[in-house]
């Protein structure tokens, strides 16, 4: 089992952390779409992540989404 950590952050810092995780998840989701369709999005600034298989990119994106979900659940539990 993975070791668990308890980290305290301000509300603002937690928002920044979640924003950063969202950006990373979206980057991997876009990479998975690129690898599946071999077509760049309309955004000229897009650079795919270093990856060769769409399944790998999807798995990484899903892991980011799971982390985000776990953090949000813990935040909601503390708001009560």
PDB file of N, CA and C in Angstrom:
ATOM      1  N   UNK A   1       0.849  -1.192   0.000  1.00  0.00           N
ATOM      2  CA  UNK A   1       0.000   0.000   0.000  1.00  0.00           C
ATOM      3  C   UNK A   1       0.885   1.243   0.000  1.00  0.00           C
ATOM      4  N   UNK A   2       0.476   2.240  -0.768  1.00  0.00           N
ATOM      5  CA  UNK A   2       1.225   3.496  -0.819  1.00  0.00           C
ATOM      6  C   UNK A   2       1.135   4.223   0.508  1.00  0.00           C
ATOM      7  N   UNK A   3       2.223   4.885   0.863  1.00  0.00           N
ATOM      8  CA  UNK A   3       2.236   5.706   2.062  1.00  0.00           C
ATOM      9  C   UNK A   3       1.362   6.932   1.823  1.00  0.00           C
ATOM     10  N   UNK A   4       0.586   7.325   2.807  1.00  0.00           N
ATOM     11  CA  UNK A   4      -0.303   8.485   2.710  1.00  0.00           C
ATOM     12  C   UNK A   4       0.351   9.682   3.384  1.00  0.00           C
ATOM     13  N   UNK A   5       0.127  10.860   2.825  1.00  0.00           N
ATOM     14  CA  UNK A   5       0.647  12.099   3.382  1.00  0.00           C
ATOM     15  C   UNK A   5      -0.496  13.040   3.701  1.00  0.00           C
ATOM     16  N   UNK A   6      -0.318  13.828   4.717  1.00  0.00           N
ATOM     17  CA  UNK A   6      -1.280  14.860   5.088  1.00  0.00           C
ATOM     18  C   UNK A   6      -0.596  16.200   4.852  1.00  0.00           C
ATOM     19  N   UNK A   7      -1.179  17.016   3.998  1.00  0.00           N
ATOM     20  CA  UNK A   7      -0.593  18.305   3.638  1.00  0.00           C
ATOM     21  C   UNK A   7      -1.622  19.396   3.915  1.00  0.00           C
ATOM     22  N   UNK A   8      -1.188  20.476   4.524  1.00  0.00           N
ATOM     23  CA  UNK A   8      -2.075  21.600   4.772  1.00  0.00           C
ATOM     24  C   UNK A   8      -1.707  22.742   3.832  1.00  0.00           C
ATOM     25  N   UNK A   9      -2.711  23.251   3.129  1.00  0.00           N
ATOM     26  CA  UNK A   9      -2.529  24.379   2.218  1.00  0.00           C
ATOM     27  C   UNK A   9      -3.652  25.377   2.450  1.00  0.00           C
ATOM     28  N   UNK A  10      -3.383  26.619   2.116  1.00  0.00           N
ATOM     29  CA  UNK A  10      -4.446  27.623   2.174  1.00  0.00           C
ATOM     30  C   UNK A  10      -5.469  27.309   1.076  1.00  0.00           C
ATOM     31  N   UNK A  11      -6.644  27.881   1.208  1.00  0.00           N
ATOM     32  CA  UNK A  11      -7.692  27.678   0.202  1.00  0.00           C
ATOM     33  C   UNK A  11      -7.208  28.124  -1.180  1.00  0.00           C
ATOM     34  N   UNK A  12      -6.504  29.270  -1.226  1.00  0.00           N
ATOM     35  CA  UNK A  12      -5.982  29.785  -2.488  1.00  0.00           C
ATOM     36  C   UNK A  12      -4.949  28.828  -3.082  1.00  0.00           C
ATOM     37  N   UNK A  13      -4.035  28.347  -2.259  1.00  0.00           N
ATOM     38  CA  UNK A  13      -3.014  27.425  -2.748  1.00  0.00           C
ATOM     39  C   UNK A  13      -3.638  26.108  -3.228  1.00  0.00           C
ATOM     40  N   UNK A  14      -4.668  25.656  -2.542  1.00  0.00           N
ATOM     41  CA  UNK A  14      -5.351  24.427  -2.970  1.00  0.00           C
ATOM     42  C   UNK A  14      -5.995  24.651  -4.337  1.00  0.00           C
ATOM     43  N   UNK A  15      -6.555  25.818  -4.550  1.00  0.00           N
ATOM     44  CA  UNK A  15      -7.126  26.149  -5.857  1.00  0.00           C
ATOM     45  C   UNK A  15      -6.062  26.147  -6.939  1.00  0.00           C
ATOM     46  N   UNK A  16      -4.894  26.688  -6.614  1.00  0.00           N
ATOM     47  CA  UNK A  16      -3.793  26.696  -7.573  1.00  0.00           C
ATOM     48  C   UNK A  16      -3.334  25.270  -7.892  1.00  0.00           C
ATOM     49  N   UNK A  17      -3.256  24.439  -6.877  1.00  0.00           N
ATOM     50  CA  UNK A  17      -2.859  23.042  -7.069  1.00  0.00           C
ATOM     51  C   UNK A  17      -3.854  22.315  -7.974  1.00  0.00           C
ATOM     52  N   UNK A  18      -5.137  22.486  -7.702  1.00  0.00           N
ATOM     53  CA  UNK A  18      -6.164  21.841  -8.525  1.00  0.00           C
ATOM     54  C   UNK A  18      -6.143  22.366  -9.958  1.00  0.00           C
ATOM     55  N   UNK A  19      -5.926  23.669 -10.129  1.00  0.00           N
ATOM     56  CA  UNK A  19      -5.816  24.230 -11.478  1.00  0.00           C
ATOM     57  C   UNK A  19      -4.660  23.580 -12.237  1.00  0.00           C
ATOM     58  N   UNK A  20      -3.534  23.423 -11.573  1.00  0.00           N
ATOM     59  CA  UNK A  20      -2.373  22.801 -12.202  1.00  0.00           C
ATOM     60  C   UNK A  20      -2.639  21.355 -12.592  1.00  0.00           C
ATOM     61  N   UNK A  21      -3.304  20.615 -11.728  1.00  0.00           N
ATOM     62  CA  UNK A  21      -3.645  19.224 -12.039  1.00  0.00           C
ATOM     63  C   UNK A  21      -4.630  19.148 -13.201  1.00  0.00           C
ATOM     64  N   UNK A  22      -5.572  20.085 -13.265  1.00  0.00           N
ATOM     65  CA  UNK A  22      -6.529  20.135 -14.376  1.00  0.00           C
ATOM     66  C   UNK A  22      -5.808  20.355 -15.707  1.00  0.00           C
ATOM     67  N   UNK A  23      -4.839  21.275 -15.705  1.00  0.00           N
ATOM     68  CA  UNK A  23      -4.074  21.561 -16.920  1.00  0.00           C
ATOM     69  C   UNK A  23      -3.332  20.311 -17.381  1.00  0.00           C
ATOM     70  N   UNK A  24      -2.723  19.590 -16.440  1.00  0.00           N
ATOM     71  CA  UNK A  24      -1.985  18.378 -16.797  1.00  0.00           C
ATOM     72  C   UNK A  24      -2.935  17.301 -17.321  1.00  0.00           C
ATOM     73  N   UNK A  25      -4.081  17.125 -16.686  1.00  0.00           N
ATOM     74  CA  UNK A  25      -5.057  16.132 -17.155  1.00  0.00           C
ATOM     75  C   UNK A  25      -5.517  16.468 -18.567  1.00  0.00           C
ATOM     76  N   UNK A  26      -5.824  17.737 -18.807  1.00  0.00           N
ATOM     77  CA  UNK A  26      -6.270  18.158 -20.139  1.00  0.00           C
ATOM     78  C   UNK A  26      -5.185  17.939 -21.186  1.00  0.00           C
ATOM     79  N   UNK A  27      -3.927  18.207 -20.816  1.00  0.00           N
ATOM     80  CA  UNK A  27      -2.826  17.999 -21.758  1.00  0.00           C
ATOM     81  C   UNK A  27      -2.736  16.534 -22.168  1.00  0.00           C
ATOM     82  N   UNK A  28      -2.886  15.634 -21.216  1.00  0.00           N
ATOM     83  CA  UNK A  28      -2.813  14.203 -21.533  1.00  0.00           C
ATOM     84  C   UNK A  28      -4.046  13.743 -22.308  1.00  0.00           C
ATOM     85  N   UNK A  29      -5.210  14.317 -22.006  1.00  0.00           N
ATOM     86  CA  UNK A  29      -6.416  13.976 -22.764  1.00  0.00           C
ATOM     87  C   UNK A  29      -6.275  14.433 -24.222  1.00  0.00           C
ATOM     88  N   UNK A  30      -5.728  15.605 -24.415  1.00  0.00           N
ATOM     89  CA  UNK A  30      -5.512  16.106 -25.784  1.00  0.00           C
ATOM     90  C   UNK A  30      -4.485  15.248 -26.515  1.00  0.00           C
ATOM     91  N   UNK A  31      -3.465  14.805 -25.794  1.00  0.00           N
ATOM     92  CA  UNK A  31      -2.460  13.935 -26.401  1.00  0.00           C
ATOM     93  C   UNK A  31      -3.090  12.614 -26.827  1.00  0.00           C
ATOM     94  N   UNK A  32      -3.947  12.059 -25.992  1.00  0.00           N
ATOM     95  CA  UNK A  32      -4.623  10.804 -26.349  1.00  0.00           C
ATOM     96  C   UNK A  32      -5.466  10.993 -27.607  1.00  0.00           C
ATOM     97  N   UNK A  33      -6.201  12.112 -27.688  1.00  0.00           N
ATOM     98  CA  UNK A  33      -7.012  12.378 -28.884  1.00  0.00           C
ATOM     99  C   UNK A  33      -6.122  12.532 -30.112  1.00  0.00           C
ATOM    100  N   UNK A  34      -4.998  13.231 -29.961  1.00  0.00           N
ATOM    101  CA  UNK A  34      -4.073  13.400 -31.078  1.00  0.00           C
ATOM    102  C   UNK A  34      -3.546  12.041 -31.556  1.00  0.00           C
ATOM    103  N   UNK A  35      -3.152  11.198 -30.630  1.00  0.00           N
ATOM    104  CA  UNK A  35      -2.604   9.898 -31.003  1.00  0.00           C
ATOM    105  C   UNK A  35      -3.654   9.002 -31.664  1.00  0.00           C
ATOM    106  N   UNK A  36      -4.895   9.150 -31.253  1.00  0.00           N
ATOM    107  CA  UNK A  36      -5.979   8.357 -31.855  1.00  0.00           C
ATOM    108  C   UNK A  36      -6.317   8.833 -33.267  1.00  0.00           C
ATOM    109  N   UNK A  37      -6.364  10.153 -33.453  1.00  0.00           N
ATOM    110  CA  UNK A  37      -6.857  10.711 -34.717  1.00  0.00           C
ATOM    111  C   UNK A  37      -5.755  11.284 -35.607  1.00  0.00           C
ATOM    112  N   UNK A  38      -4.555  11.424 -35.062  1.00  0.00           N
ATOM    113  CA  UNK A  38      -3.416  12.004 -35.801  1.00  0.00           C
ATOM    114  C   UNK A  38      -3.762  13.346 -36.425  1.00  0.00           C
ATOM    115  N   UNK A  39      -4.529  14.119 -35.688  1.00  0.00           N
ATOM    116  CA  UNK A  39      -4.919  15.451 -36.146  1.00  0.00           C
ATOM    117  C   UNK A  39      -4.711  16.429 -34.994  1.00  0.00           C
ATOM    118  N   UNK A  40      -4.011  17.522 -35.288  1.00  0.00           N
ATOM    119  CA  UNK A  40      -3.797  18.536 -34.272  1.00  0.00           C
ATOM    120  C   UNK A  40      -5.079  19.326 -34.040  1.00  0.00           C
ATOM    121  N   UNK A  41      -5.315  19.732 -32.795  1.00  0.00           N
ATOM    122  CA  UNK A  41      -6.472  20.601 -32.524  1.00  0.00           C
ATOM    123  C   UNK A  41      -6.278  21.960 -33.204  1.00  0.00           C
ATOM    124  N   UNK A  42      -7.322  22.743 -33.229  1.00  0.00           N
ATOM    125  CA  UNK A  42      -7.258  24.058 -33.865  1.00  0.00           C
ATOM    126  C   UNK A  42      -6.307  25.009 -33.145  1.00  0.00           C
ATOM    127  N   UNK A  43      -6.004  24.727 -31.911  1.00  0.00           N
ATOM    128  CA  UNK A  43      -5.111  25.563 -31.119  1.00  0.00           C
ATOM    129  C   UNK A  43      -3.678  25.443 -31.639  1.00  0.00           C
ATOM    130  N   UNK A  44      -3.128  26.519 -32.158  1.00  0.00           N
ATOM    131  CA  UNK A  44      -1.769  26.510 -32.720  1.00  0.00           C
ATOM    132  C   UNK A  44      -0.693  26.295 -31.659  1.00  0.00           C
ATOM    133  N   UNK A  45      -1.040  26.488 -30.393  1.00  0.00           N
ATOM    134  CA  UNK A  45      -0.058  26.386 -29.318  1.00  0.00           C
ATOM    135  C   UNK A  45       0.063  24.970 -28.768  1.00  0.00           C
ATOM    136  N   UNK A  46      -0.670  24.045 -29.301  1.00  0.00           N
ATOM    137  CA  UNK A  46      -0.704  22.689 -28.754  1.00  0.00           C
ATOM    138  C   UNK A  46       0.582  21.918 -29.067  1.00  0.00           C
ATOM    139  N   UNK A  47       1.141  21.313 -28.026  1.00  0.00           N
ATOM    140  CA  UNK A  47       2.292  20.413 -28.175  1.00  0.00           C
ATOM    141  C   UNK A  47       1.930  19.133 -27.429  1.00  0.00           C
ATOM    142  N   UNK A  48       1.915  17.983 -28.120  1.00  0.00           N
ATOM    143  CA  UNK A  48       1.566  16.734 -27.442  1.00  0.00           C
ATOM    144  C   UNK A  48       2.596  16.366 -26.373  1.00  0.00           C
ATOM    145  N   UNK A  49       2.132  15.644 -25.381  1.00  0.00           N
ATOM    146  CA  UNK A  49       3.031  15.126 -24.358  1.00  0.00           C
ATOM    147  C   UNK A  49       3.873  14.004 -24.955  1.00  0.00           C
ATOM    148  N   UNK A  50       4.962  13.671 -24.314  1.00  0.00           N
ATOM    149  CA  UNK A  50       5.853  12.613 -24.794  1.00  0.00           C
ATOM    150  C   UNK A  50       5.213  11.255 -24.518  1.00  0.00           C
ATOM    151  N   UNK A  51       4.692  10.668 -25.578  1.00  0.00           N
ATOM    152  CA  UNK A  51       3.953   9.422 -25.441  1.00  0.00           C
ATOM    153  C   UNK A  51       3.737   8.844 -26.839  1.00  0.00           C
ATOM    154  N   UNK A  52       3.652   7.519 -26.931  1.00  0.00           N
ATOM    155  CA  UNK A  52       3.494   6.899 -28.244  1.00  0.00           C
ATOM    156  C   UNK A  52       2.174   6.146 -28.417  1.00  0.00           C
ATOM    157  N   UNK A  53       1.504   5.855 -27.309  1.00  0.00           N
ATOM    158  CA  UNK A  53       0.264   5.087 -27.393  1.00  0.00           C
ATOM    159  C   UNK A  53      -0.881   5.859 -26.754  1.00  0.00           C
ATOM    160  N   UNK A  54      -2.030   5.912 -27.433  1.00  0.00           N
ATOM    161  CA  UNK A  54      -3.166   6.635 -26.852  1.00  0.00           C
ATOM    162  C   UNK A  54      -3.616   6.043 -25.520  1.00  0.00           C
ATOM    163  N   UNK A  55      -3.465   4.724 -25.367  1.00  0.00           N
ATOM    164  CA  UNK A  55      -3.878   4.075 -24.113  1.00  0.00           C
ATOM    165  C   UNK A  55      -3.024   4.566 -22.941  1.00  0.00           C
ATOM    166  N   UNK A  56      -1.749   4.786 -23.208  1.00  0.00           N
ATOM    167  CA  UNK A  56      -0.869   5.297 -22.154  1.00  0.00           C
ATOM    168  C   UNK A  56      -1.278   6.709 -21.761  1.00  0.00           C
ATOM    169  N   UNK A  57      -1.525   7.551 -22.748  1.00  0.00           N
ATOM    170  CA  UNK A  57      -1.931   8.929 -22.478  1.00  0.00           C
ATOM    171  C   UNK A  57      -3.259   8.969 -21.735  1.00  0.00           C
ATOM    172  N   UNK A  58      -4.194   8.114 -22.139  1.00  0.00           N
ATOM    173  CA  UNK A  58      -5.492   8.055 -21.459  1.00  0.00           C
ATOM    174  C   UNK A  58      -5.319   7.623 -20.010  1.00  0.00           C
ATOM    175  N   UNK A  59      -4.469   6.644 -19.779  1.00  0.00           N
ATOM    176  CA  UNK A  59      -4.226   6.171 -18.415  1.00  0.00           C
ATOM    177  C   UNK A  59      -3.628   7.252 -17.526  1.00  0.00           C
ATOM    178  N   UNK A  60      -2.702   8.019 -18.076  1.00  0.00           N
ATOM    179  CA  UNK A  60      -2.095   9.106 -17.303  1.00  0.00           C
ATOM    180  C   UNK A  60      -3.140  10.186 -17.005  1.00  0.00           C
ATOM    181  N   UNK A  61      -3.949  10.529 -17.998  1.00  0.00           N
ATOM    182  CA  UNK A  61      -5.014  11.520 -17.786  1.00  0.00           C
ATOM    183  C   UNK A  61      -5.999  11.047 -16.721  1.00  0.00           C
ATOM    184  N   UNK A  62      -6.358   9.778 -16.785  1.00  0.00           N
ATOM    185  CA  UNK A  62      -7.286   9.230 -15.786  1.00  0.00           C
ATOM    186  C   UNK A  62      -6.679   9.271 -14.386  1.00  0.00           C
ATOM    187  N   UNK A  63      -5.376   9.046 -14.287  1.00  0.00           N
ATOM    188  CA  UNK A  63      -4.723   9.118 -12.984  1.00  0.00           C
ATOM    189  C   UNK A  63      -4.786  10.543 -12.426  1.00  0.00           C
ATOM    190  N   UNK A  64      -4.534  11.538 -13.280  1.00  0.00           N
ATOM    191  CA  UNK A  64      -4.677  12.925 -12.844  1.00  0.00           C
ATOM    192  C   UNK A  64      -6.109  13.205 -12.392  1.00  0.00           C
ATOM    193  N   UNK A  65      -7.091  12.725 -13.151  1.00  0.00           N
ATOM    194  CA  UNK A  65      -8.497  12.951 -12.786  1.00  0.00           C
ATOM    195  C   UNK A  65      -8.836  12.295 -11.445  1.00  0.00           C
ATOM    196  N   UNK A  66      -8.247  11.132 -11.177  1.00  0.00           N
ATOM    197  CA  UNK A  66      -8.478  10.451  -9.907  1.00  0.00           C
ATOM    198  C   UNK A  66      -7.890  11.253  -8.747  1.00  0.00           C
ATOM    199  N   UNK A  67      -6.700  11.791  -8.939  1.00  0.00           N
ATOM    200  CA  UNK A  67      -6.085  12.628  -7.905  1.00  0.00           C
ATOM    201  C   UNK A  67      -6.968  13.840  -7.630  1.00  0.00           C
ATOM    202  N   UNK A  68      -7.443  14.491  -8.688  1.00  0.00           N
ATOM    203  CA  UNK A  68      -8.314  15.657  -8.546  1.00  0.00           C
ATOM    204  C   UNK A  68      -9.572  15.283  -7.776  1.00  0.00           C
ATOM    205  N   UNK A  69     -10.155  14.155  -8.132  1.00  0.00           N
ATOM    206  CA  UNK A  69     -11.373  13.696  -7.464  1.00  0.00           C
ATOM    207  C   UNK A  69     -11.132  13.434  -5.977  1.00  0.00           C
ATOM    208  N   UNK A  70     -10.037  12.789  -5.660  1.00  0.00           N
ATOM    209  CA  UNK A  70      -9.722  12.501  -4.255  1.00  0.00           C
ATOM    210  C   UNK A  70      -9.549  13.791  -3.460  1.00  0.00           C
ATOM    211  N   UNK A  71      -8.862  14.756  -4.033  1.00  0.00           N
ATOM    212  CA  UNK A  71      -8.663  16.032  -3.340  1.00  0.00           C
ATOM    213  C   UNK A  71      -9.998  16.733  -3.138  1.00  0.00           C
ATOM    214  N   UNK A  72     -10.832  16.772  -4.183  1.00  0.00           N
ATOM    215  CA  UNK A  72     -12.135  17.446  -4.064  1.00  0.00           C
ATOM    216  C   UNK A  72     -13.022  16.775  -3.006  1.00  0.00           C
ATOM    217  N   UNK A  73     -12.999  15.457  -2.948  1.00  0.00           N
ATOM    218  CA  UNK A  73     -13.788  14.736  -1.932  1.00  0.00           C
ATOM    219  C   UNK A  73     -13.311  15.093  -0.527  1.00  0.00           C
ATOM    220  N   UNK A  74     -12.001  15.155  -0.358  1.00  0.00           N
ATOM    221  CA  UNK A  74     -11.466  15.521   0.961  1.00  0.00           C
ATOM    222  C   UNK A  74     -11.807  16.954   1.313  1.00  0.00           C
ATOM    223  N   UNK A  75     -11.784  17.846   0.314  1.00  0.00           N
ATOM    224  CA  UNK A  75     -12.165  19.249   0.577  1.00  0.00           C
ATOM    225  C   UNK A  75     -13.624  19.351   0.981  1.00  0.00           C
ATOM    226  N   UNK A  76     -14.491  18.650   0.246  1.00  0.00           N
ATOM    227  CA  UNK A  76     -15.928  18.683   0.564  1.00  0.00           C
ATOM    228  C   UNK A  76     -16.184  18.164   1.964  1.00  0.00           C
ATOM    229  N   UNK A  77     -15.476  17.122   2.374  1.00  0.00           N
ATOM    230  CA  UNK A  77     -15.655  16.562   3.705  1.00  0.00           C
ATOM    231  C   UNK A  77     -15.270  17.567   4.800  1.00  0.00           C
ATOM    232  N   UNK A  78     -14.339  18.442   4.496  1.00  0.00           N
ATOM    233  CA  UNK A  78     -13.889  19.425   5.475  1.00  0.00           C
ATOM    234  C   UNK A  78     -14.767  20.672   5.504  1.00  0.00           C
ATOM    235  N   UNK A  79     -15.575  20.870   4.494  1.00  0.00           N
ATOM    236  CA  UNK A  79     -16.432  22.061   4.407  1.00  0.00           C
ATOM    237  C   UNK A  79     -17.658  21.956   5.306  1.00  0.00           C
ATOM    238  N   UNK A  80     -17.945  20.780   5.792  1.00  0.00           N
ATOM    239  CA  UNK A  80     -19.159  20.562   6.605  1.00  0.00           C
ATOM    240  C   UNK A  80     -19.052  21.257   7.937  1.00  0.00           C
TER     241      UNK A  80
END
